[in-house]
Amino acid sequence: MAEKKLSDQSKELTSLLFMATHMEMSSTQMLGEDDPTTRAIKVARQAVMKAIVEKQEIDMNLNTKANKGSNLSNTVSSSRMH
């Protein structure tokens, strides 16, 4: 259940990044690179990219902790068998 939620969050962030990138390109073409709207969209796109990177780091940390917990329980189980 938690993995599905994490996957959904990744899809949402990817979708946001796609939309922000498209909006930035369109705004640059129509209004110019120095327009305040274009700059605001660029900042928003960068924030989405930062959120994606942070989420990936959190996911990796969660996976590392889960693997350590799994390895620990396997070690305890095998030591009980001997």
PDB file of N, CA and C in Angstrom:
ATOM      1  N   MET A   1       0.829  -1.195   0.000  1.00  0.00           N
ATOM      2  CA  MET A   1       0.000   0.000   0.000  1.00  0.00           C
ATOM      3  C   MET A   1       0.871   1.256   0.000  1.00  0.00           C
ATOM      4  N   ALA A   2       1.881   1.288   0.855  1.00  0.00           N
ATOM      5  CA  ALA A   2       2.760   2.458   0.928  1.00  0.00           C
ATOM      6  C   ALA A   2       3.554   2.625  -0.362  1.00  0.00           C
ATOM      7  N   GLU A   3       3.950   1.493  -0.978  1.00  0.00           N
ATOM      8  CA  GLU A   3       4.710   1.569  -2.229  1.00  0.00           C
ATOM      9  C   GLU A   3       3.863   2.169  -3.341  1.00  0.00           C
ATOM     10  N   LYS A   4       2.572   1.844  -3.368  1.00  0.00           N
ATOM     11  CA  LYS A   4       1.676   2.414  -4.386  1.00  0.00           C
ATOM     12  C   LYS A   4       1.563   3.920  -4.188  1.00  0.00           C
ATOM     13  N   LYS A   5       1.468   4.361  -2.949  1.00  0.00           N
ATOM     14  CA  LYS A   5       1.371   5.790  -2.656  1.00  0.00           C
ATOM     15  C   LYS A   5       2.641   6.506  -3.110  1.00  0.00           C
ATOM     16  N   LEU A   6       3.803   5.911  -2.839  1.00  0.00           N
ATOM     17  CA  LEU A   6       5.069   6.502  -3.279  1.00  0.00           C
ATOM     18  C   LEU A   6       5.137   6.563  -4.795  1.00  0.00           C
ATOM     19  N   SER A   7       4.659   5.521  -5.455  1.00  0.00           N
ATOM     20  CA  SER A   7       4.646   5.487  -6.913  1.00  0.00           C
ATOM     21  C   SER A   7       3.725   6.571  -7.466  1.00  0.00           C
ATOM     22  N   ASP A   8       2.561   6.738  -6.849  1.00  0.00           N
ATOM     23  CA  ASP A   8       1.624   7.785  -7.274  1.00  0.00           C
ATOM     24  C   ASP A   8       2.239   9.168  -7.103  1.00  0.00           C
ATOM     25  N   GLN A   9       2.960   9.370  -6.010  1.00  0.00           N
ATOM     26  CA  GLN A   9       3.621  10.656  -5.783  1.00  0.00           C
ATOM     27  C   GLN A   9       4.665  10.917  -6.861  1.00  0.00           C
ATOM     28  N   SER A  10       5.407   9.902  -7.233  1.00  0.00           N
ATOM     29  CA  SER A  10       6.416  10.053  -8.284  1.00  0.00           C
ATOM     30  C   SER A  10       5.762  10.430  -9.604  1.00  0.00           C
ATOM     31  N   LYS A  11       4.647   9.780  -9.916  1.00  0.00           N
ATOM     32  CA  LYS A  11       3.924  10.092 -11.157  1.00  0.00           C
ATOM     33  C   LYS A  11       3.417  11.532 -11.143  1.00  0.00           C
ATOM     34  N   GLU A  12       2.896  11.973 -10.002  1.00  0.00           N
ATOM     35  CA  GLU A  12       2.387  13.342  -9.892  1.00  0.00           C
ATOM     36  C   GLU A  12       3.510  14.355 -10.066  1.00  0.00           C
ATOM     37  N   LEU A  13       4.647  14.105  -9.440  1.00  0.00           N
ATOM     38  CA  LEU A  13       5.778  15.024  -9.572  1.00  0.00           C
ATOM     39  C   LEU A  13       6.295  15.063 -11.005  1.00  0.00           C
ATOM     40  N   THR A  14       6.351  13.915 -11.652  1.00  0.00           N
ATOM     41  CA  THR A  14       6.801  13.864 -13.044  1.00  0.00           C
ATOM     42  C   THR A  14       5.839  14.633 -13.939  1.00  0.00           C
ATOM     43  N   SER A  15       4.553  14.481 -13.683  1.00  0.00           N
ATOM     44  CA  SER A  15       3.542  15.205 -14.451  1.00  0.00           C
ATOM     45  C   SER A  15       3.672  16.714 -14.239  1.00  0.00           C
ATOM     46  N   LEU A  16       3.886  17.117 -12.992  1.00  0.00           N
ATOM     47  CA  LEU A  16       4.088  18.537 -12.699  1.00  0.00           C
ATOM     48  C   LEU A  16       5.319  19.086 -13.410  1.00  0.00           C
ATOM     49  N   LEU A  17       6.386  18.308 -13.416  1.00  0.00           N
ATOM     50  CA  LEU A  17       7.608  18.748 -14.086  1.00  0.00           C
ATOM     51  C   LEU A  17       7.369  18.919 -15.581  1.00  0.00           C
ATOM     52  N   PHE A  18       6.659  17.985 -16.178  1.00  0.00           N
ATOM     53  CA  PHE A  18       6.347  18.077 -17.603  1.00  0.00           C
ATOM     54  C   PHE A  18       5.540  19.344 -17.893  1.00  0.00           C
ATOM     55  N   MET A  19       4.499  19.587 -17.080  1.00  0.00           N
ATOM     56  CA  MET A  19       3.660  20.776 -17.296  1.00  0.00           C
ATOM     57  C   MET A  19       4.450  22.065 -17.096  1.00  0.00           C
ATOM     58  N   ALA A  20       5.261  22.118 -16.044  1.00  0.00           N
ATOM     59  CA  ALA A  20       6.041  23.328 -15.775  1.00  0.00           C
ATOM     60  C   ALA A  20       7.052  23.595 -16.886  1.00  0.00           C
ATOM     61  N   THR A  21       7.666  22.537 -17.399  1.00  0.00           N
ATOM     62  CA  THR A  21       8.628  22.691 -18.494  1.00  0.00           C
ATOM     63  C   THR A  21       7.926  23.211 -19.741  1.00  0.00           C
ATOM     64  N   HIS A  22       6.768  22.653 -20.039  1.00  0.00           N
ATOM     65  CA  HIS A  22       5.994  23.100 -21.199  1.00  0.00           C
ATOM     66  C   HIS A  22       5.572  24.568 -21.039  1.00  0.00           C
ATOM     67  N   MET A  23       5.104  24.916 -19.846  1.00  0.00           N
ATOM     68  CA  MET A  23       4.691  26.300 -19.595  1.00  0.00           C
ATOM     69  C   MET A  23       5.871  27.259 -19.716  1.00  0.00           C
ATOM     70  N   GLU A  24       7.025  26.843 -19.210  1.00  0.00           N
ATOM     71  CA  GLU A  24       8.209  27.703 -19.294  1.00  0.00           C
ATOM     72  C   GLU A  24       8.608  27.939 -20.750  1.00  0.00           C
ATOM     73  N   MET A  25       8.605  26.886 -21.552  1.00  0.00           N
ATOM     74  CA  MET A  25       8.966  27.037 -22.967  1.00  0.00           C
ATOM     75  C   MET A  25       7.969  27.948 -23.681  1.00  0.00           C
ATOM     76  N   SER A  26       6.688  27.743 -23.432  1.00  0.00           N
ATOM     77  CA  SER A  26       5.658  28.562 -24.075  1.00  0.00           C
ATOM     78  C   SER A  26       5.766  30.021 -23.644  1.00  0.00           C
ATOM     79  N   SER A  27       5.960  30.236 -22.359  1.00  0.00           N
ATOM     80  CA  SER A  27       6.072  31.595 -21.845  1.00  0.00           C
ATOM     81  C   SER A  27       7.305  32.297 -22.404  1.00  0.00           C
ATOM     82  N   THR A  28       8.398  31.560 -22.518  1.00  0.00           N
ATOM     83  CA  THR A  28       9.619  32.135 -23.085  1.00  0.00           C
ATOM     84  C   THR A  28       9.380  32.562 -24.528  1.00  0.00           C
ATOM     85  N   GLN A  29       8.691  31.720 -25.287  1.00  0.00           N
ATOM     86  CA  GLN A  29       8.413  32.047 -26.692  1.00  0.00           C
ATOM     87  C   GLN A  29       7.480  33.246 -26.819  1.00  0.00           C
ATOM     88  N   MET A  30       6.449  33.309 -25.977  1.00  0.00           N
ATOM     89  CA  MET A  30       5.436  34.365 -26.124  1.00  0.00           C
ATOM     90  C   MET A  30       5.828  35.668 -25.434  1.00  0.00           C
ATOM     91  N   LEU A  31       6.437  35.571 -24.260  1.00  0.00           N
ATOM     92  CA  LEU A  31       6.686  36.764 -23.451  1.00  0.00           C
ATOM     93  C   LEU A  31       8.157  37.151 -23.369  1.00  0.00           C
ATOM     94  N   GLY A  32       9.025  36.203 -23.649  1.00  0.00           N
ATOM     95  CA  GLY A  32      10.455  36.467 -23.548  1.00  0.00           C
ATOM     96  C   GLY A  32      11.031  35.919 -22.259  1.00  0.00           C
ATOM     97  N   GLU A  33      12.332  35.712 -22.283  1.00  0.00           N
ATOM     98  CA  GLU A  33      13.027  35.087 -21.154  1.00  0.00           C
ATOM     99  C   GLU A  33      13.051  35.969 -19.906  1.00  0.00           C
ATOM    100  N   ASP A  34      13.045  37.290 -20.090  1.00  0.00           N
ATOM    101  CA  ASP A  34      13.160  38.210 -18.954  1.00  0.00           C
ATOM    102  C   ASP A  34      11.816  38.640 -18.370  1.00  0.00           C
ATOM    103  N   ASP A  35      10.723  38.142 -18.922  1.00  0.00           N
ATOM    104  CA  ASP A  35       9.402  38.499 -18.417  1.00  0.00           C
ATOM    105  C   ASP A  35       9.209  37.915 -17.012  1.00  0.00           C
ATOM    106  N   PRO A  36       8.590  38.684 -16.099  1.00  0.00           N
ATOM    107  CA  PRO A  36       8.379  38.183 -14.728  1.00  0.00           C
ATOM    108  C   PRO A  36       7.592  36.869 -14.671  1.00  0.00           C
ATOM    109  N   THR A  37       6.635  36.701 -15.568  1.00  0.00           N
ATOM    110  CA  THR A  37       5.858  35.454 -15.587  1.00  0.00           C
ATOM    111  C   THR A  37       6.757  34.279 -15.950  1.00  0.00           C
ATOM    112  N   THR A  38       7.589  34.464 -16.963  1.00  0.00           N
ATOM    113  CA  THR A  38       8.511  33.405 -17.381  1.00  0.00           C
ATOM    114  C   THR A  38       9.467  33.059 -16.249  1.00  0.00           C
ATOM    115  N   ARG A  39       9.973  34.083 -15.583  1.00  0.00           N
ATOM    116  CA  ARG A  39      10.909  33.827 -14.474  1.00  0.00           C
ATOM    117  C   ARG A  39      10.214  33.090 -13.328  1.00  0.00           C
ATOM    118  N   ALA A  40       8.964  33.450 -13.044  1.00  0.00           N
ATOM    119  CA  ALA A  40       8.216  32.774 -11.973  1.00  0.00           C
ATOM    120  C   ALA A  40       7.976  31.304 -12.317  1.00  0.00           C
ATOM    121  N   ILE A  41       7.639  31.050 -13.573  1.00  0.00           N
ATOM    122  CA  ILE A  41       7.426  29.663 -14.009  1.00  0.00           C
ATOM    123  C   ILE A  41       8.733  28.879 -13.907  1.00  0.00           C
ATOM    124  N   LYS A  42       9.847  29.518 -14.264  1.00  0.00           N
ATOM    125  CA  LYS A  42      11.153  28.854 -14.178  1.00  0.00           C
ATOM    126  C   LYS A  42      11.462  28.475 -12.730  1.00  0.00           C
ATOM    127  N   VAL A  43      11.178  29.387 -11.806  1.00  0.00           N
ATOM    128  CA  VAL A  43      11.404  29.106 -10.382  1.00  0.00           C
ATOM    129  C   VAL A  43      10.523  27.936  -9.928  1.00  0.00           C
ATOM    130  N   ALA A  44       9.272  27.922 -10.384  1.00  0.00           N
ATOM    131  CA  ALA A  44       8.364  26.824 -10.025  1.00  0.00           C
ATOM    132  C   ALA A  44       8.875  25.495 -10.572  1.00  0.00           C
ATOM    133  N   ARG A  45       9.356  25.496 -11.814  1.00  0.00           N
ATOM    134  CA  ARG A  45       9.890  24.269 -12.416  1.00  0.00           C
ATOM    135  C   ARG A  45      11.104  23.781 -11.628  1.00  0.00           C
ATOM    136  N   GLN A  46      11.964  24.713 -11.237  1.00  0.00           N
ATOM    137  CA  GLN A  46      13.144  24.330 -10.456  1.00  0.00           C
ATOM    138  C   GLN A  46      12.744  23.754  -9.097  1.00  0.00           C
ATOM    139  N   ALA A  47      11.686  24.287  -8.506  1.00  0.00           N
ATOM    140  CA  ALA A  47      11.199  23.762  -7.225  1.00  0.00           C
ATOM    141  C   ALA A  47      10.679  22.335  -7.383  1.00  0.00           C
ATOM    142  N   VAL A  48       9.991  22.074  -8.485  1.00  0.00           N
ATOM    143  CA  VAL A  48       9.501  20.712  -8.746  1.00  0.00           C
ATOM    144  C   VAL A  48      10.683  19.765  -8.933  1.00  0.00           C
ATOM    145  N   MET A  49      11.699  20.205  -9.670  1.00  0.00           N
ATOM    146  CA  MET A  49      12.890  19.362  -9.866  1.00  0.00           C
ATOM    147  C   MET A  49      13.560  19.065  -8.528  1.00  0.00           C
ATOM    148  N   LYS A  50      13.649  20.076  -7.665  1.00  0.00           N
ATOM    149  CA  LYS A  50      14.252  19.880  -6.346  1.00  0.00           C
ATOM    150  C   LYS A  50      13.427  18.883  -5.525  1.00  0.00           C
ATOM    151  N   ALA A  51      12.104  18.992  -5.606  1.00  0.00           N
ATOM    152  CA  ALA A  51      11.229  18.064  -4.879  1.00  0.00           C
ATOM    153  C   ALA A  51      11.428  16.631  -5.362  1.00  0.00           C
ATOM    154  N   ILE A  52      11.618  16.458  -6.670  1.00  0.00           N
ATOM    155  CA  ILE A  52      11.850  15.119  -7.223  1.00  0.00           C
ATOM    156  C   ILE A  52      13.156  14.543  -6.685  1.00  0.00           C
ATOM    157  N   VAL A  53      14.205  15.350  -6.676  1.00  0.00           N
ATOM    158  CA  VAL A  53      15.504  14.884  -6.171  1.00  0.00           C
ATOM    159  C   VAL A  53      15.396  14.525  -4.689  1.00  0.00           C
ATOM    160  N   GLU A  54      14.740  15.384  -3.910  1.00  0.00           N
ATOM    161  CA  GLU A  54      14.586  15.111  -2.478  1.00  0.00           C
ATOM    162  C   GLU A  54      13.767  13.844  -2.243  1.00  0.00           C
ATOM    163  N   LYS A  55      12.713  13.649  -3.036  1.00  0.00           N
ATOM    164  CA  LYS A  55      11.900  12.440  -2.897  1.00  0.00           C
ATOM    165  C   LYS A  55      12.721  11.198  -3.214  1.00  0.00           C
ATOM    166  N   GLN A  56      13.560  11.277  -4.248  1.00  0.00           N
ATOM    167  CA  GLN A  56      14.409  10.136  -4.596  1.00  0.00           C
ATOM    168  C   GLN A  56      15.372   9.815  -3.457  1.00  0.00           C
ATOM    169  N   GLU A  57      15.919  10.852  -2.821  1.00  0.00           N
ATOM    170  CA  GLU A  57      16.824  10.629  -1.689  1.00  0.00           C
ATOM    171  C   GLU A  57      16.082   9.982  -0.525  1.00  0.00           C
ATOM    172  N   ILE A  58      14.880  10.456  -0.251  1.00  0.00           N
ATOM    173  CA  ILE A  58      14.073   9.877   0.831  1.00  0.00           C
ATOM    174  C   ILE A  58      13.744   8.419   0.519  1.00  0.00           C
ATOM    175  N   ASP A  59      13.332   8.151  -0.721  1.00  0.00           N
ATOM    176  CA  ASP A  59      13.014   6.775  -1.123  1.00  0.00           C
ATOM    177  C   ASP A  59      14.225   5.861  -0.958  1.00  0.00           C
ATOM    178  N   MET A  60      15.400   6.347  -1.352  1.00  0.00           N
ATOM    179  CA  MET A  60      16.617   5.529  -1.215  1.00  0.00           C
ATOM    180  C   MET A  60      16.911   5.265   0.253  1.00  0.00           C
ATOM    181  N   ASN A  61      16.741   6.279   1.109  1.00  0.00           N
ATOM    182  CA  ASN A  61      16.973   6.087   2.541  1.00  0.00           C
ATOM    183  C   ASN A  61      15.981   5.093   3.129  1.00  0.00           C
ATOM    184  N   LEU A  62      14.719   5.186   2.710  1.00  0.00           N
ATOM    185  CA  LEU A  62      13.714   4.235   3.203  1.00  0.00           C
ATOM    186  C   LEU A  62      14.043   2.815   2.754  1.00  0.00           C
ATOM    187  N   ASN A  63      14.467   2.666   1.506  1.00  0.00           N
ATOM    188  CA  ASN A  63      14.835   1.343   0.997  1.00  0.00           C
ATOM    189  C   ASN A  63      16.041   0.793   1.738  1.00  0.00           C
ATOM    190  N   THR A  64      17.011   1.651   2.025  1.00  0.00           N
ATOM    191  CA  THR A  64      18.204   1.221   2.753  1.00  0.00           C
ATOM    192  C   THR A  64      17.823   0.743   4.150  1.00  0.00           C
ATOM    193  N   LYS A  65      16.970   1.519   4.833  1.00  0.00           N
ATOM    194  CA  LYS A  65      16.536   1.136   6.179  1.00  0.00           C
ATOM    195  C   LYS A  65      15.731  -0.158   6.141  1.00  0.00           C
ATOM    196  N   ALA A  66      14.874  -0.303   5.144  1.00  0.00           N
ATOM    197  CA  ALA A  66      14.066  -1.524   5.025  1.00  0.00           C
ATOM    198  C   ALA A  66      14.966  -2.728   4.786  1.00  0.00           C
ATOM    199  N   ASN A  67      15.972  -2.561   3.942  1.00  0.00           N
ATOM    200  CA  ASN A  67      16.897  -3.665   3.667  1.00  0.00           C
ATOM    201  C   ASN A  67      17.709  -4.020   4.901  1.00  0.00           C
ATOM    202  N   LYS A  68      18.149  -3.019   5.656  1.00  0.00           N
ATOM    203  CA  LYS A  68      18.903  -3.297   6.881  1.00  0.00           C
ATOM    204  C   LYS A  68      18.031  -4.053   7.872  1.00  0.00           C
ATOM    205  N   GLY A  69      16.775  -3.635   8.002  1.00  0.00           N
ATOM    206  CA  GLY A  69      15.850  -4.321   8.904  1.00  0.00           C
ATOM    207  C   GLY A  69      15.609  -5.745   8.463  1.00  0.00           C
ATOM    208  N   SER A  70      15.482  -5.948   7.172  1.00  0.00           N
ATOM    209  CA  SER A  70      15.273  -7.283   6.621  1.00  0.00           C
ATOM    210  C   SER A  70      16.502  -8.151   6.858  1.00  0.00           C
ATOM    211  N   ASN A  71      17.673  -7.592   6.629  1.00  0.00           N
ATOM    212  CA  ASN A  71      18.911  -8.341   6.849  1.00  0.00           C
ATOM    213  C   ASN A  71      19.085  -8.693   8.316  1.00  0.00           C
ATOM    214  N   LEU A  72      18.726  -7.776   9.197  1.00  0.00           N
ATOM    215  CA  LEU A  72      18.841  -8.023  10.627  1.00  0.00           C
ATOM    216  C   LEU A  72      17.913  -9.155  11.050  1.00  0.00           C
ATOM    217  N   SER A  73      16.676  -9.141  10.572  1.00  0.00           N
ATOM    218  CA  SER A  73      15.750 -10.208  10.958  1.00  0.00           C
ATOM    219  C   SER A  73      16.198 -11.544  10.371  1.00  0.00           C
ATOM    220  N   ASN A  74      16.782 -11.537   9.176  1.00  0.00           N
ATOM    221  CA  ASN A  74      17.308 -12.774   8.593  1.00  0.00           C
ATOM    222  C   ASN A  74      18.471 -13.299   9.420  1.00  0.00           C
ATOM    223  N   THR A  75      19.330 -12.405   9.893  1.00  0.00           N
ATOM    224  CA  THR A  75      20.474 -12.803  10.713  1.00  0.00           C
ATOM    225  C   THR A  75      19.991 -13.411  12.022  1.00  0.00           C
ATOM    226  N   VAL A  76      19.005 -12.777  12.646  1.00  0.00           N
ATOM    227  CA  VAL A  76      18.455 -13.284  13.905  1.00  0.00           C
ATOM    228  C   VAL A  76      17.822 -14.653  13.681  1.00  0.00           C
ATOM    229  N   SER A  77      17.065 -14.806  12.603  1.00  0.00           N
ATOM    230  CA  SER A  77      16.414 -16.086  12.310  1.00  0.00           C
ATOM    231  C   SER A  77      17.439 -17.184  12.077  1.00  0.00           C
ATOM    232  N   SER A  78      18.478 -16.894  11.302  1.00  0.00           N
ATOM    233  CA  SER A  78      19.466 -17.930  11.000  1.00  0.00           C
ATOM    234  C   SER A  78      20.297 -18.263  12.235  1.00  0.00           C
ATOM    235  N   SER A  79      20.542 -17.284  13.108  1.00  0.00           N
ATOM    236  CA  SER A  79      21.328 -17.585  14.304  1.00  0.00           C
ATOM    237  C   SER A  79      20.518 -18.442  15.274  1.00  0.00           C
ATOM    238  N   ARG A  80      19.208 -18.328  15.246  1.00  0.00           N
ATOM    239  CA  ARG A  80      18.364 -19.162  16.108  1.00  0.00           C
ATOM    240  C   ARG A  80      18.344 -20.598  15.618  1.00  0.00           C
ATOM    241  N   MET A  81      18.521 -20.782  14.317  1.00  0.00           N
ATOM    242  CA  MET A  81      18.472 -22.122  13.747  1.00  0.00           C
ATOM    243  C   MET A  81      19.724 -22.925  14.110  1.00  0.00           C
ATOM    244  N   HIS A  82      20.837 -22.246  14.346  1.00  0.00           N
ATOM    245  CA  HIS A  82      22.099 -22.961  14.603  1.00  0.00           C
ATOM    246  C   HIS A  82      22.226 -23.382  16.010  1.00  0.00           C
TER     247      HIS A  82
END
